[in-house]
Amino acid sequence: MKIILLLIAISLLVALGFLCAFFWAVNDGQYEDDYTPSVRILFEDRKVKKK
């Protein structure tokens, strides 16, 4: 029974860590640009010069 409580506590800590990372990414502005990814395939790649 002790191991189940330990595993639940560890899983809650991991979930809290992921939640904090998500809020940090949102506050950092990572999800602000929602237009560019949808049209990125339309942009041409730069050609690399071969020597």
Protein backbone atom coordinates (compact mmCIF):
# COMPACT_ATOMS: atom_id res chain seq x y z
CA MET A 1 0.00 0.00 0.00
CA LYS A 2 2.91 2.35 0.69
CA ILE A 3 4.26 1.92 -2.83
CA ILE A 4 0.92 2.97 -4.36
CA LEU A 5 0.90 6.16 -2.31
CA LEU A 6 4.50 6.83 -3.31
CA LEU A 7 3.70 6.34 -7.00
CA ILE A 8 0.67 8.62 -6.76
CA ALA A 9 2.79 11.31 -5.11
CA ILE A 10 5.49 11.01 -7.79
CA SER A 11 2.93 11.14 -10.60
CA LEU A 12 1.37 14.27 -9.09
CA LEU A 13 4.79 15.92 -8.93
CA VAL A 14 5.48 15.05 -12.58
CA ALA A 15 2.06 16.38 -13.62
CA LEU A 16 2.68 19.60 -11.69
CA GLY A 17 6.03 19.95 -13.44
CA PHE A 18 4.43 19.61 -16.86
CA LEU A 19 1.73 22.12 -15.90
CA CYS A 20 4.36 24.63 -14.77
CA ALA A 21 6.31 24.12 -18.01
CA PHE A 22 3.14 24.72 -20.03
CA PHE A 23 2.33 27.96 -18.21
CA TRP A 24 5.94 29.08 -18.57
CA ALA A 25 5.81 28.48 -22.33
CA VAL A 26 2.54 30.38 -22.66
CA ASN A 27 3.84 33.33 -20.65
CA ASP A 28 7.08 33.31 -22.64
CA GLY A 29 5.10 33.88 -25.85
CA GLN A 30 5.76 30.57 -27.55
CA TYR A 31 2.15 30.17 -28.72
CA GLU A 32 1.57 33.74 -29.96
CA ASP A 33 2.25 33.18 -33.67
CA ASP A 34 -0.57 31.08 -35.07
CA TYR A 35 -0.38 32.33 -38.67
CA THR A 36 3.17 31.50 -39.77
CA PRO A 37 3.04 27.70 -39.29
CA SER A 38 0.01 27.45 -41.56
CA VAL A 39 1.75 29.20 -44.48
CA ARG A 40 5.31 28.01 -43.89
CA ILE A 41 4.98 25.34 -46.59
CA LEU A 42 4.28 28.05 -49.16
CA PHE A 43 7.64 29.76 -48.59
CA GLU A 44 10.52 28.74 -50.81
CA ASP A 45 13.66 27.35 -49.24
CA ARG A 46 16.94 29.13 -49.85
CA LYS A 47 19.22 27.29 -52.21
CA VAL A 48 22.65 26.30 -50.92
CA LYS A 49 25.59 27.03 -53.21
CA LYS A 50 27.80 24.03 -53.90
CA LYS A 51 31.54 24.61 -54.09
